[in-house]
């Protein structure tokens, strides 16, 4: 495993995954959820670097800024088939074109080397597919820090979208009880 001194949760997370029974055929599913800007992508990328896992970013599955409520539909078409050792699929959203683009297929063979699929993003821990999660991680960081990160990445012009998204994600996480169901809570400021 590569040295990950600024992400101390990764070794413990990998141990937890290894101790659990696979849920996607012979592969395991790591769901990394939490509010936008908390550090989910950083954690997912660190796990992928350590394991060679395939990572699916939910930013590719949302139907734009208003797509959080229905992201579970895309998760279902991706994860349910994989759970029965069949290829899963999702439609990739093109943020620049403002519409869905191509269909992406994830085959069981894609997961064979690492035996792990990482799904990261707001809604990764949705109740509709919670039974397939081998491990659910919640990543959190202070609200001001998360907003700063988001605007730094996306630009000040998207502040209104970010503020509306934060309301939507708060409602989503409350309705799904995501943090309370998490197997591990990670401090996203330690990166």
N, C-alpha and C. Protein backbone atom coordinates (compact mmCIF):
# COMPACT_ATOMS: atom_id res chain seq x y z
N UNK A 1 0.85 -1.17 0.00
CA UNK A 1 0.00 0.00 0.00
C UNK A 1 0.90 1.24 0.00
N UNK A 2 0.56 2.26 -0.81
CA UNK A 2 1.38 3.47 -0.81
C UNK A 2 1.26 4.20 0.52
N UNK A 3 2.25 5.01 0.81
CA UNK A 3 2.24 5.81 2.03
C UNK A 3 1.19 6.91 1.91
N UNK A 4 0.23 6.95 2.82
CA UNK A 4 -0.85 7.93 2.80
C UNK A 4 -0.91 8.66 4.14
N UNK A 5 0.16 9.39 4.50
CA UNK A 5 0.22 9.97 5.83
C UNK A 5 -0.86 11.00 6.11
N UNK A 6 -1.36 11.70 5.06
CA UNK A 6 -2.35 12.73 5.32
C UNK A 6 -3.78 12.18 5.26
N UNK A 7 -3.93 10.89 4.98
CA UNK A 7 -5.24 10.25 4.99
C UNK A 7 -5.18 9.03 5.91
N UNK A 8 -5.13 9.25 7.21
CA UNK A 8 -4.91 8.16 8.15
C UNK A 8 -6.05 7.15 8.19
N UNK A 9 -7.21 7.48 7.64
CA UNK A 9 -8.34 6.57 7.69
C UNK A 9 -8.26 5.45 6.66
N UNK A 10 -7.43 5.61 5.63
CA UNK A 10 -7.39 4.64 4.54
C UNK A 10 -6.99 3.24 5.01
N UNK A 11 -5.91 3.05 5.77
CA UNK A 11 -5.59 1.67 6.20
C UNK A 11 -6.71 1.02 7.01
N UNK A 12 -7.32 1.76 7.92
CA UNK A 12 -8.43 1.20 8.70
C UNK A 12 -9.61 0.86 7.80
N UNK A 13 -9.86 1.71 6.83
CA UNK A 13 -10.95 1.48 5.89
C UNK A 13 -10.70 0.22 5.07
N UNK A 14 -9.49 0.04 4.60
CA UNK A 14 -9.16 -1.15 3.82
C UNK A 14 -9.27 -2.41 4.66
N UNK A 15 -8.88 -2.33 5.92
CA UNK A 15 -9.04 -3.48 6.82
C UNK A 15 -10.51 -3.82 7.02
N UNK A 16 -11.34 -2.80 7.19
CA UNK A 16 -12.78 -3.01 7.36
C UNK A 16 -13.38 -3.65 6.12
N UNK A 17 -13.02 -3.15 4.95
CA UNK A 17 -13.51 -3.74 3.70
C UNK A 17 -13.11 -5.21 3.59
N UNK A 18 -11.86 -5.51 3.89
CA UNK A 18 -11.36 -6.88 3.78
C UNK A 18 -12.08 -7.83 4.73
N UNK A 19 -12.54 -7.32 5.85
CA UNK A 19 -13.22 -8.15 6.84
C UNK A 19 -14.68 -8.43 6.50
N UNK A 20 -15.21 -7.72 5.52
CA UNK A 20 -16.62 -7.85 5.16
C UNK A 20 -16.81 -8.75 3.94
N UNK A 21 -17.97 -9.34 3.86
CA UNK A 21 -18.34 -10.21 2.74
C UNK A 21 -18.61 -9.38 1.49
N UNK A 22 -18.15 -9.82 0.33
CA UNK A 22 -18.44 -9.12 -0.92
C UNK A 22 -19.95 -9.00 -1.15
N UNK A 23 -20.35 -7.91 -1.77
CA UNK A 23 -21.76 -7.64 -2.04
C UNK A 23 -22.07 -7.46 -3.52
N UNK A 24 -21.04 -7.33 -4.34
CA UNK A 24 -21.22 -7.20 -5.79
C UNK A 24 -20.62 -8.43 -6.46
N UNK A 25 -21.31 -9.55 -6.36
CA UNK A 25 -20.71 -10.80 -6.83
C UNK A 25 -19.49 -11.05 -5.97
N UNK A 26 -18.32 -11.23 -6.59
CA UNK A 26 -17.11 -11.45 -5.79
C UNK A 26 -16.43 -10.16 -5.33
N UNK A 27 -16.99 -9.01 -5.69
CA UNK A 27 -16.37 -7.71 -5.35
C UNK A 27 -17.09 -7.04 -4.19
N UNK A 28 -16.40 -6.08 -3.60
CA UNK A 28 -16.96 -5.30 -2.51
C UNK A 28 -17.33 -3.91 -3.03
N UNK A 29 -18.25 -3.26 -2.31
CA UNK A 29 -18.70 -1.91 -2.67
C UNK A 29 -18.43 -0.97 -1.52
N UNK A 30 -17.62 0.04 -1.79
CA UNK A 30 -17.38 1.12 -0.83
C UNK A 30 -18.17 2.33 -1.28
N UNK A 31 -19.07 2.80 -0.44
CA UNK A 31 -19.85 4.01 -0.70
C UNK A 31 -19.30 5.12 0.17
N UNK A 32 -18.89 6.22 -0.48
CA UNK A 32 -18.32 7.37 0.22
C UNK A 32 -19.29 8.53 0.04
N UNK A 33 -19.97 8.88 1.12
CA UNK A 33 -21.00 9.91 1.08
C UNK A 33 -20.63 11.04 2.04
N UNK A 34 -21.39 12.09 2.01
CA UNK A 34 -21.18 13.26 2.86
C UNK A 34 -21.49 14.50 2.05
N UNK A 35 -21.49 15.64 2.69
CA UNK A 35 -21.83 16.87 1.98
C UNK A 35 -20.77 17.26 0.95
N UNK A 36 -21.21 18.03 -0.04
CA UNK A 36 -20.32 18.49 -1.10
C UNK A 36 -19.17 19.29 -0.52
N UNK A 37 -17.98 19.04 -1.04
CA UNK A 37 -16.79 19.76 -0.61
C UNK A 37 -16.15 19.22 0.65
N UNK A 38 -16.62 18.07 1.13
CA UNK A 38 -16.10 17.54 2.39
C UNK A 38 -14.82 16.74 2.24
N UNK A 39 -14.52 16.27 1.04
CA UNK A 39 -13.31 15.48 0.83
C UNK A 39 -13.57 14.06 0.36
N UNK A 40 -14.77 13.79 -0.13
CA UNK A 40 -15.12 12.44 -0.58
C UNK A 40 -14.25 11.98 -1.74
N UNK A 41 -14.07 12.85 -2.73
CA UNK A 41 -13.27 12.48 -3.89
C UNK A 41 -11.83 12.21 -3.50
N UNK A 42 -11.29 13.00 -2.61
CA UNK A 42 -9.92 12.80 -2.14
C UNK A 42 -9.77 11.43 -1.49
N UNK A 43 -10.72 11.07 -0.64
CA UNK A 43 -10.68 9.76 0.02
C UNK A 43 -10.84 8.64 -1.01
N UNK A 44 -11.80 8.78 -1.91
CA UNK A 44 -12.02 7.75 -2.93
C UNK A 44 -10.78 7.55 -3.79
N UNK A 45 -10.15 8.65 -4.18
CA UNK A 45 -8.95 8.56 -5.01
C UNK A 45 -7.80 7.90 -4.25
N UNK A 46 -7.71 8.16 -2.94
CA UNK A 46 -6.66 7.53 -2.13
C UNK A 46 -6.88 6.02 -2.03
N UNK A 47 -8.14 5.62 -1.88
CA UNK A 47 -8.46 4.19 -1.84
C UNK A 47 -8.13 3.55 -3.18
N UNK A 48 -8.48 4.22 -4.27
CA UNK A 48 -8.18 3.69 -5.60
C UNK A 48 -6.68 3.58 -5.83
N UNK A 49 -5.93 4.58 -5.37
CA UNK A 49 -4.47 4.53 -5.52
C UNK A 49 -3.88 3.36 -4.73
N UNK A 50 -4.47 3.06 -3.59
CA UNK A 50 -3.95 1.98 -2.74
C UNK A 50 -4.34 0.60 -3.24
N UNK A 51 -5.46 0.52 -3.98
CA UNK A 51 -6.01 -0.80 -4.31
C UNK A 51 -6.16 -1.07 -5.80
N UNK A 52 -6.19 -0.03 -6.61
CA UNK A 52 -6.50 -0.20 -8.03
C UNK A 52 -7.98 -0.29 -8.30
N UNK A 53 -8.80 0.07 -7.32
CA UNK A 53 -10.25 -0.02 -7.45
C UNK A 53 -10.78 0.91 -8.55
N UNK A 54 -11.90 0.52 -9.12
CA UNK A 54 -12.66 1.37 -10.04
C UNK A 54 -13.43 2.37 -9.18
N UNK A 55 -13.43 3.65 -9.60
CA UNK A 55 -14.17 4.69 -8.88
C UNK A 55 -15.24 5.25 -9.80
N UNK A 56 -16.46 5.34 -9.30
CA UNK A 56 -17.55 6.01 -10.00
C UNK A 56 -17.89 7.25 -9.19
N UNK A 57 -17.79 8.40 -9.85
CA UNK A 57 -18.11 9.69 -9.22
C UNK A 57 -19.56 10.04 -9.52
N UNK A 58 -20.34 10.28 -8.48
CA UNK A 58 -21.75 10.58 -8.69
C UNK A 58 -21.96 11.88 -9.46
N UNK A 59 -20.96 12.75 -9.52
CA UNK A 59 -21.08 13.94 -10.36
C UNK A 59 -21.39 13.54 -11.80
N UNK A 60 -21.00 12.34 -12.20
CA UNK A 60 -21.29 11.85 -13.55
C UNK A 60 -22.70 11.28 -13.68
N UNK A 61 -23.40 11.08 -12.57
CA UNK A 61 -24.72 10.46 -12.59
C UNK A 61 -25.87 11.43 -12.35
N UNK A 62 -25.61 12.56 -11.70
CA UNK A 62 -26.69 13.51 -11.43
C UNK A 62 -27.22 14.09 -12.74
N UNK A 63 -28.50 14.36 -12.77
CA UNK A 63 -29.10 15.06 -13.89
C UNK A 63 -28.99 16.56 -13.61
N UNK A 64 -27.76 17.06 -13.62
CA UNK A 64 -27.49 18.47 -13.35
C UNK A 64 -27.65 18.82 -11.88
N UNK A 65 -27.78 20.10 -11.63
CA UNK A 65 -27.86 20.61 -10.26
C UNK A 65 -29.11 20.16 -9.53
N UNK A 66 -30.12 19.71 -10.26
CA UNK A 66 -31.37 19.26 -9.64
C UNK A 66 -31.50 17.74 -9.63
N UNK A 67 -30.40 17.03 -9.84
CA UNK A 67 -30.47 15.59 -10.03
C UNK A 67 -30.28 14.72 -8.81
N UNK A 68 -30.15 15.31 -7.64
CA UNK A 68 -29.87 14.49 -6.45
C UNK A 68 -31.02 13.55 -6.10
N UNK A 69 -32.25 14.03 -6.19
CA UNK A 69 -33.38 13.20 -5.77
C UNK A 69 -33.51 11.90 -6.56
N UNK A 70 -33.05 11.89 -7.80
CA UNK A 70 -33.20 10.71 -8.64
C UNK A 70 -31.91 9.94 -8.87
N UNK A 71 -30.83 10.31 -8.20
CA UNK A 71 -29.55 9.62 -8.46
C UNK A 71 -29.64 8.14 -8.10
N UNK A 72 -30.52 7.77 -7.18
CA UNK A 72 -30.67 6.36 -6.82
C UNK A 72 -31.11 5.51 -8.01
N UNK A 73 -31.81 6.10 -8.97
CA UNK A 73 -32.22 5.34 -10.15
C UNK A 73 -31.00 4.91 -10.96
N UNK A 74 -30.05 5.82 -11.10
CA UNK A 74 -28.81 5.49 -11.81
C UNK A 74 -27.97 4.50 -11.00
N UNK A 75 -27.94 4.68 -9.68
CA UNK A 75 -27.20 3.73 -8.84
C UNK A 75 -27.78 2.33 -8.97
N UNK A 76 -29.08 2.25 -9.06
CA UNK A 76 -29.74 0.95 -9.19
C UNK A 76 -29.33 0.24 -10.47
N UNK A 77 -29.29 0.97 -11.60
CA UNK A 77 -28.92 0.33 -12.87
C UNK A 77 -27.44 -0.02 -12.93
N UNK A 78 -26.65 0.63 -12.08
CA UNK A 78 -25.23 0.30 -11.99
C UNK A 78 -25.00 -0.87 -11.05
N UNK A 79 -25.57 -0.81 -9.85
CA UNK A 79 -25.21 -1.74 -8.79
C UNK A 79 -25.99 -3.05 -8.77
N UNK A 80 -27.29 -3.01 -9.03
CA UNK A 80 -28.09 -4.25 -8.95
C UNK A 80 -27.57 -5.32 -9.91
N UNK A 81 -27.28 -4.98 -11.17
CA UNK A 81 -26.73 -6.02 -12.05
C UNK A 81 -25.36 -6.54 -11.55
N UNK A 82 -24.50 -5.65 -11.09
CA UNK A 82 -23.19 -6.09 -10.59
C UNK A 82 -23.33 -7.06 -9.42
N UNK A 83 -24.37 -6.87 -8.62
CA UNK A 83 -24.59 -7.76 -7.48
C UNK A 83 -24.90 -9.19 -7.94
N UNK A 84 -25.36 -9.33 -9.18
CA UNK A 84 -25.64 -10.66 -9.72
C UNK A 84 -24.60 -11.05 -10.79
N UNK A 85 -23.44 -10.39 -10.73
CA UNK A 85 -22.31 -10.66 -11.63
C UNK A 85 -22.61 -10.35 -13.09
N UNK A 86 -23.49 -9.38 -13.32
CA UNK A 86 -23.78 -8.88 -14.66
C UNK A 86 -23.25 -7.45 -14.78
N UNK A 87 -23.02 -6.96 -16.00
CA UNK A 87 -22.56 -5.57 -16.16
C UNK A 87 -23.61 -4.58 -15.69
N UNK A 88 -23.14 -3.54 -15.00
CA UNK A 88 -24.00 -2.44 -14.59
C UNK A 88 -23.77 -1.25 -15.51
N UNK A 89 -24.75 -0.35 -15.57
CA UNK A 89 -24.65 0.79 -16.48
C UNK A 89 -25.20 2.05 -15.83
N UNK A 90 -24.68 3.18 -16.31
CA UNK A 90 -25.26 4.47 -15.96
C UNK A 90 -25.06 5.42 -17.12
N UNK A 91 -25.89 6.45 -17.16
CA UNK A 91 -25.74 7.49 -18.19
C UNK A 91 -24.86 8.58 -17.60
N UNK A 92 -23.81 8.95 -18.32
CA UNK A 92 -22.91 10.00 -17.85
C UNK A 92 -23.49 11.36 -18.22
N UNK A 93 -23.53 12.24 -17.22
CA UNK A 93 -24.05 13.59 -17.44
C UNK A 93 -22.92 14.49 -17.92
N UNK A 94 -23.18 15.22 -18.98
CA UNK A 94 -22.24 16.17 -19.54
C UNK A 94 -22.61 17.56 -19.01
N UNK A 95 -21.86 18.04 -18.05
CA UNK A 95 -22.18 19.31 -17.39
C UNK A 95 -22.08 20.50 -18.35
N UNK A 96 -21.19 20.41 -19.32
CA UNK A 96 -21.03 21.52 -20.28
C UNK A 96 -22.20 21.57 -21.26
N UNK A 97 -22.67 20.41 -21.70
CA UNK A 97 -23.80 20.35 -22.64
C UNK A 97 -25.14 20.46 -21.91
N UNK A 98 -25.14 20.19 -20.60
CA UNK A 98 -26.38 20.27 -19.83
C UNK A 98 -27.34 19.12 -20.11
N UNK A 99 -26.79 17.94 -20.42
CA UNK A 99 -27.64 16.79 -20.71
C UNK A 99 -26.81 15.50 -20.54
N UNK A 100 -27.55 14.39 -20.52
CA UNK A 100 -26.85 13.12 -20.45
C UNK A 100 -26.17 12.83 -21.78
N UNK A 101 -25.03 12.18 -21.69
CA UNK A 101 -24.26 11.84 -22.87
C UNK A 101 -24.29 10.32 -23.04
N UNK A 102 -23.13 9.70 -23.11
CA UNK A 102 -23.05 8.26 -23.36
C UNK A 102 -23.42 7.43 -22.14
N UNK A 103 -23.68 6.16 -22.42
CA UNK A 103 -23.90 5.19 -21.36
C UNK A 103 -22.56 4.55 -21.03
N UNK A 104 -22.26 4.46 -19.74
CA UNK A 104 -21.02 3.87 -19.26
C UNK A 104 -21.35 2.50 -18.68
N UNK A 105 -20.57 1.50 -19.06
CA UNK A 105 -20.77 0.14 -18.56
C UNK A 105 -19.62 -0.21 -17.63
N UNK A 106 -19.95 -0.79 -16.50
CA UNK A 106 -18.96 -1.34 -15.58
C UNK A 106 -19.24 -2.84 -15.52
N UNK A 107 -18.28 -3.61 -16.01
CA UNK A 107 -18.44 -5.06 -16.06
C UNK A 107 -17.79 -5.70 -14.83
N UNK A 108 -18.27 -6.86 -14.44
CA UNK A 108 -17.62 -7.56 -13.32
C UNK A 108 -16.12 -7.73 -13.54
N UNK A 109 -15.69 -7.94 -14.79
CA UNK A 109 -14.26 -8.10 -15.08
C UNK A 109 -13.48 -6.83 -14.74
N UNK A 110 -14.13 -5.66 -14.84
CA UNK A 110 -13.46 -4.40 -14.48
C UNK A 110 -13.12 -4.35 -13.00
N UNK A 111 -13.87 -5.08 -12.20
CA UNK A 111 -13.68 -5.07 -10.74
C UNK A 111 -12.81 -6.21 -10.25
N UNK A 112 -12.49 -7.13 -11.13
CA UNK A 112 -11.82 -8.37 -10.72
C UNK A 112 -10.45 -8.14 -10.08
N UNK A 113 -9.64 -7.26 -10.64
CA UNK A 113 -8.27 -7.09 -10.13
C UNK A 113 -8.26 -6.62 -8.68
N UNK A 114 -9.02 -5.58 -8.38
CA UNK A 114 -9.04 -5.04 -7.01
C UNK A 114 -10.13 -5.66 -6.16
N UNK A 115 -11.15 -6.20 -6.81
CA UNK A 115 -12.28 -6.75 -6.06
C UNK A 115 -13.06 -5.67 -5.34
N UNK A 116 -13.02 -4.45 -5.91
CA UNK A 116 -13.61 -3.31 -5.20
C UNK A 116 -14.13 -2.27 -6.19
N UNK A 117 -15.34 -1.80 -5.93
CA UNK A 117 -15.90 -0.64 -6.62
C UNK A 117 -16.12 0.44 -5.57
N UNK A 118 -15.64 1.65 -5.87
CA UNK A 118 -15.84 2.79 -4.98
C UNK A 118 -16.84 3.72 -5.66
N UNK A 119 -17.93 4.01 -4.99
CA UNK A 119 -18.92 4.98 -5.47
C UNK A 119 -18.85 6.15 -4.52
N UNK A 120 -18.52 7.33 -5.06
CA UNK A 120 -18.38 8.49 -4.18
C UNK A 120 -19.23 9.64 -4.68
N UNK A 121 -19.83 10.32 -3.71
CA UNK A 121 -20.62 11.51 -4.01
C UNK A 121 -21.81 11.60 -3.09
N UNK A 122 -22.43 12.76 -3.10
CA UNK A 122 -23.64 12.96 -2.31
C UNK A 122 -24.70 12.00 -2.83
N UNK A 123 -25.21 11.16 -1.97
CA UNK A 123 -26.21 10.18 -2.35
C UNK A 123 -25.67 8.78 -2.53
N UNK A 124 -24.36 8.59 -2.40
CA UNK A 124 -23.77 7.26 -2.56
C UNK A 124 -24.36 6.27 -1.55
N UNK A 125 -24.78 6.77 -0.41
CA UNK A 125 -25.35 5.91 0.62
C UNK A 125 -26.86 5.88 0.61
N UNK A 126 -27.48 6.14 -0.54
CA UNK A 126 -28.95 6.15 -0.64
C UNK A 126 -29.54 4.84 -0.14
N UNK A 127 -30.66 4.95 0.53
CA UNK A 127 -31.31 3.75 1.10
C UNK A 127 -31.67 2.71 0.04
N UNK A 128 -31.99 3.15 -1.18
CA UNK A 128 -32.44 2.23 -2.23
C UNK A 128 -31.39 1.19 -2.59
N UNK A 129 -30.12 1.49 -2.36
CA UNK A 129 -29.06 0.53 -2.68
C UNK A 129 -28.18 0.23 -1.45
N UNK A 130 -28.65 0.62 -0.28
CA UNK A 130 -27.85 0.45 0.95
C UNK A 130 -27.52 -1.01 1.24
N UNK A 131 -28.38 -1.93 0.83
CA UNK A 131 -28.13 -3.34 1.09
C UNK A 131 -26.92 -3.87 0.32
N UNK A 132 -26.48 -3.13 -0.69
CA UNK A 132 -25.34 -3.57 -1.49
C UNK A 132 -24.02 -3.00 -1.00
N UNK A 133 -24.06 -2.03 -0.11
CA UNK A 133 -22.83 -1.41 0.39
C UNK A 133 -22.10 -2.37 1.32
N UNK A 134 -20.86 -2.66 0.99
CA UNK A 134 -20.02 -3.44 1.90
C UNK A 134 -19.63 -2.56 3.07
N UNK A 135 -19.24 -1.33 2.77
CA UNK A 135 -18.90 -0.33 3.78
C UNK A 135 -19.43 1.02 3.31
N UNK A 136 -20.05 1.75 4.23
CA UNK A 136 -20.51 3.12 3.98
C UNK A 136 -19.67 4.06 4.83
N UNK A 137 -19.02 5.01 4.17
CA UNK A 137 -18.20 6.01 4.86
C UNK A 137 -18.87 7.36 4.71
N UNK A 138 -18.88 8.11 5.79
CA UNK A 138 -19.37 9.49 5.80
C UNK A 138 -18.17 10.40 5.98
N UNK A 139 -17.98 11.34 5.05
CA UNK A 139 -16.90 12.31 5.14
C UNK A 139 -17.52 13.66 5.46
N UNK A 140 -16.94 14.35 6.44
CA UNK A 140 -17.49 15.65 6.83
C UNK A 140 -16.39 16.67 7.04
N UNK A 141 -16.78 17.93 6.89
CA UNK A 141 -15.89 19.07 7.11
C UNK A 141 -16.79 20.25 7.45
N UNK A 142 -16.24 21.29 8.08
CA UNK A 142 -17.06 22.46 8.43
C UNK A 142 -17.70 23.10 7.20
N UNK A 143 -18.88 23.61 7.38
CA UNK A 143 -19.67 24.20 6.29
C UNK A 143 -18.90 25.25 5.50
N UNK A 144 -18.24 26.16 6.20
CA UNK A 144 -17.52 27.25 5.52
C UNK A 144 -16.39 26.69 4.66
N UNK A 145 -15.71 25.68 5.17
CA UNK A 145 -14.61 25.05 4.42
C UNK A 145 -15.14 24.36 3.17
N UNK A 146 -16.27 23.67 3.30
CA UNK A 146 -16.85 22.97 2.16
C UNK A 146 -17.26 23.96 1.06
N UNK A 147 -17.89 25.06 1.46
CA UNK A 147 -18.30 26.07 0.47
C UNK A 147 -17.08 26.69 -0.19
N UNK A 148 -16.06 26.98 0.59
CA UNK A 148 -14.83 27.56 0.02
C UNK A 148 -14.22 26.61 -1.02
N UNK A 149 -14.15 25.33 -0.69
CA UNK A 149 -13.59 24.35 -1.62
C UNK A 149 -14.41 24.28 -2.90
N UNK A 150 -15.72 24.26 -2.75
CA UNK A 150 -16.59 24.16 -3.92
C UNK A 150 -16.47 25.35 -4.84
N UNK A 151 -16.46 26.54 -4.26
CA UNK A 151 -16.36 27.74 -5.08
C UNK A 151 -14.97 27.89 -5.69
N UNK A 152 -13.97 27.41 -4.97
CA UNK A 152 -12.62 27.42 -5.52
C UNK A 152 -12.52 26.50 -6.74
N UNK A 153 -13.20 25.38 -6.67
CA UNK A 153 -13.18 24.43 -7.78
C UNK A 153 -14.07 24.89 -8.94
N UNK A 154 -15.30 25.35 -8.62
CA UNK A 154 -16.30 25.61 -9.65
C UNK A 154 -16.43 27.07 -10.06
N UNK A 155 -15.96 27.99 -9.21
CA UNK A 155 -16.05 29.41 -9.53
C UNK A 155 -17.19 30.10 -8.80
N UNK A 156 -16.96 31.36 -8.50
CA UNK A 156 -17.93 32.17 -7.76
C UNK A 156 -19.27 32.30 -8.50
N UNK A 157 -19.24 32.21 -9.81
CA UNK A 157 -20.47 32.35 -10.60
C UNK A 157 -21.49 31.26 -10.26
N UNK A 158 -21.04 30.16 -9.67
CA UNK A 158 -21.94 29.05 -9.33
C UNK A 158 -22.37 29.05 -7.86
N UNK A 159 -22.13 30.14 -7.16
CA UNK A 159 -22.51 30.23 -5.74
C UNK A 159 -23.98 29.90 -5.52
N UNK A 160 -24.86 30.44 -6.33
CA UNK A 160 -26.30 30.17 -6.17
C UNK A 160 -26.62 28.69 -6.29
N UNK A 161 -25.99 28.02 -7.27
CA UNK A 161 -26.19 26.58 -7.41
C UNK A 161 -25.67 25.84 -6.19
N UNK A 162 -24.51 26.25 -5.71
CA UNK A 162 -23.92 25.61 -4.54
C UNK A 162 -24.83 25.75 -3.31
N UNK A 163 -25.38 26.94 -3.11
CA UNK A 163 -26.24 27.15 -1.94
C UNK A 163 -27.52 26.33 -2.05
N UNK A 164 -28.10 26.25 -3.24
CA UNK A 164 -29.30 25.42 -3.43
C UNK A 164 -28.97 23.94 -3.26
N UNK A 165 -27.81 23.53 -3.78
CA UNK A 165 -27.38 22.13 -3.64
C UNK A 165 -27.23 21.76 -2.17
N UNK A 166 -26.67 22.66 -1.39
CA UNK A 166 -26.47 22.37 0.03
C UNK A 166 -27.80 22.12 0.74
N UNK A 167 -28.83 22.86 0.38
CA UNK A 167 -30.16 22.61 0.95
C UNK A 167 -30.68 21.24 0.52
N UNK A 168 -30.49 20.92 -0.76
CA UNK A 168 -30.96 19.63 -1.27
C UNK A 168 -30.22 18.47 -0.61
N UNK A 169 -28.91 18.60 -0.44
CA UNK A 169 -28.15 17.50 0.16
C UNK A 169 -28.49 17.35 1.64
N UNK A 170 -28.73 18.45 2.33
CA UNK A 170 -29.14 18.35 3.74
C UNK A 170 -30.45 17.57 3.86
N UNK A 171 -31.41 17.89 2.99
CA UNK A 171 -32.70 17.19 3.00
C UNK A 171 -32.52 15.72 2.64
N UNK A 172 -31.70 15.46 1.65
CA UNK A 172 -31.44 14.07 1.23
C UNK A 172 -30.81 13.26 2.35
N UNK A 173 -29.76 13.80 2.95
CA UNK A 173 -29.07 13.06 4.01
C UNK A 173 -29.97 12.84 5.23
N UNK A 174 -30.82 13.83 5.54
CA UNK A 174 -31.75 13.65 6.65
C UNK A 174 -32.77 12.56 6.33
N UNK A 175 -33.30 12.57 5.13
CA UNK A 175 -34.31 11.57 4.74
C UNK A 175 -33.73 10.16 4.70
N UNK A 176 -32.46 10.03 4.33
CA UNK A 176 -31.84 8.72 4.21
C UNK A 176 -31.08 8.30 5.46
N UNK A 177 -30.94 9.20 6.44
CA UNK A 177 -30.21 8.86 7.67
C UNK A 177 -28.79 8.40 7.39
N UNK A 178 -28.16 9.02 6.41
CA UNK A 178 -26.87 8.52 5.91
C UNK A 178 -25.78 8.52 6.97
N UNK A 179 -25.60 9.63 7.64
CA UNK A 179 -24.51 9.69 8.63
C UNK A 179 -24.70 8.66 9.73
N UNK A 180 -25.93 8.51 10.18
CA UNK A 180 -26.21 7.57 11.27
C UNK A 180 -25.97 6.12 10.85
N UNK A 181 -26.08 5.83 9.57
CA UNK A 181 -25.86 4.46 9.08
C UNK A 181 -24.42 4.18 8.70
N UNK A 182 -23.57 5.20 8.72
CA UNK A 182 -22.19 5.03 8.26
C UNK A 182 -21.41 4.07 9.16
N UNK A 183 -20.57 3.27 8.52
CA UNK A 183 -19.68 2.37 9.25
C UNK A 183 -18.47 3.11 9.79
N UNK A 184 -18.13 4.23 9.14
CA UNK A 184 -16.96 5.00 9.51
C UNK A 184 -17.22 6.46 9.18
N UNK A 185 -16.88 7.36 10.11
CA UNK A 185 -16.98 8.80 9.89
C UNK A 185 -15.55 9.34 9.77
N UNK A 186 -15.32 10.07 8.67
CA UNK A 186 -13.98 10.58 8.36
C UNK A 186 -13.98 12.09 8.43
N UNK A 187 -12.97 12.65 9.06
CA UNK A 187 -12.77 14.09 9.11
C UNK A 187 -12.12 14.52 7.81
N UNK A 188 -12.87 15.20 6.96
CA UNK A 188 -12.39 15.62 5.66
C UNK A 188 -11.42 16.79 5.69
N UNK A 189 -11.12 17.33 6.86
CA UNK A 189 -10.13 18.41 6.95
C UNK A 189 -8.72 17.85 7.02
N UNK A 190 -8.60 16.54 7.23
CA UNK A 190 -7.27 15.91 7.34
C UNK A 190 -6.85 15.38 5.98
N UNK A 191 -6.55 16.28 5.07
CA UNK A 191 -6.08 15.84 3.75
C UNK A 191 -4.92 16.67 3.30
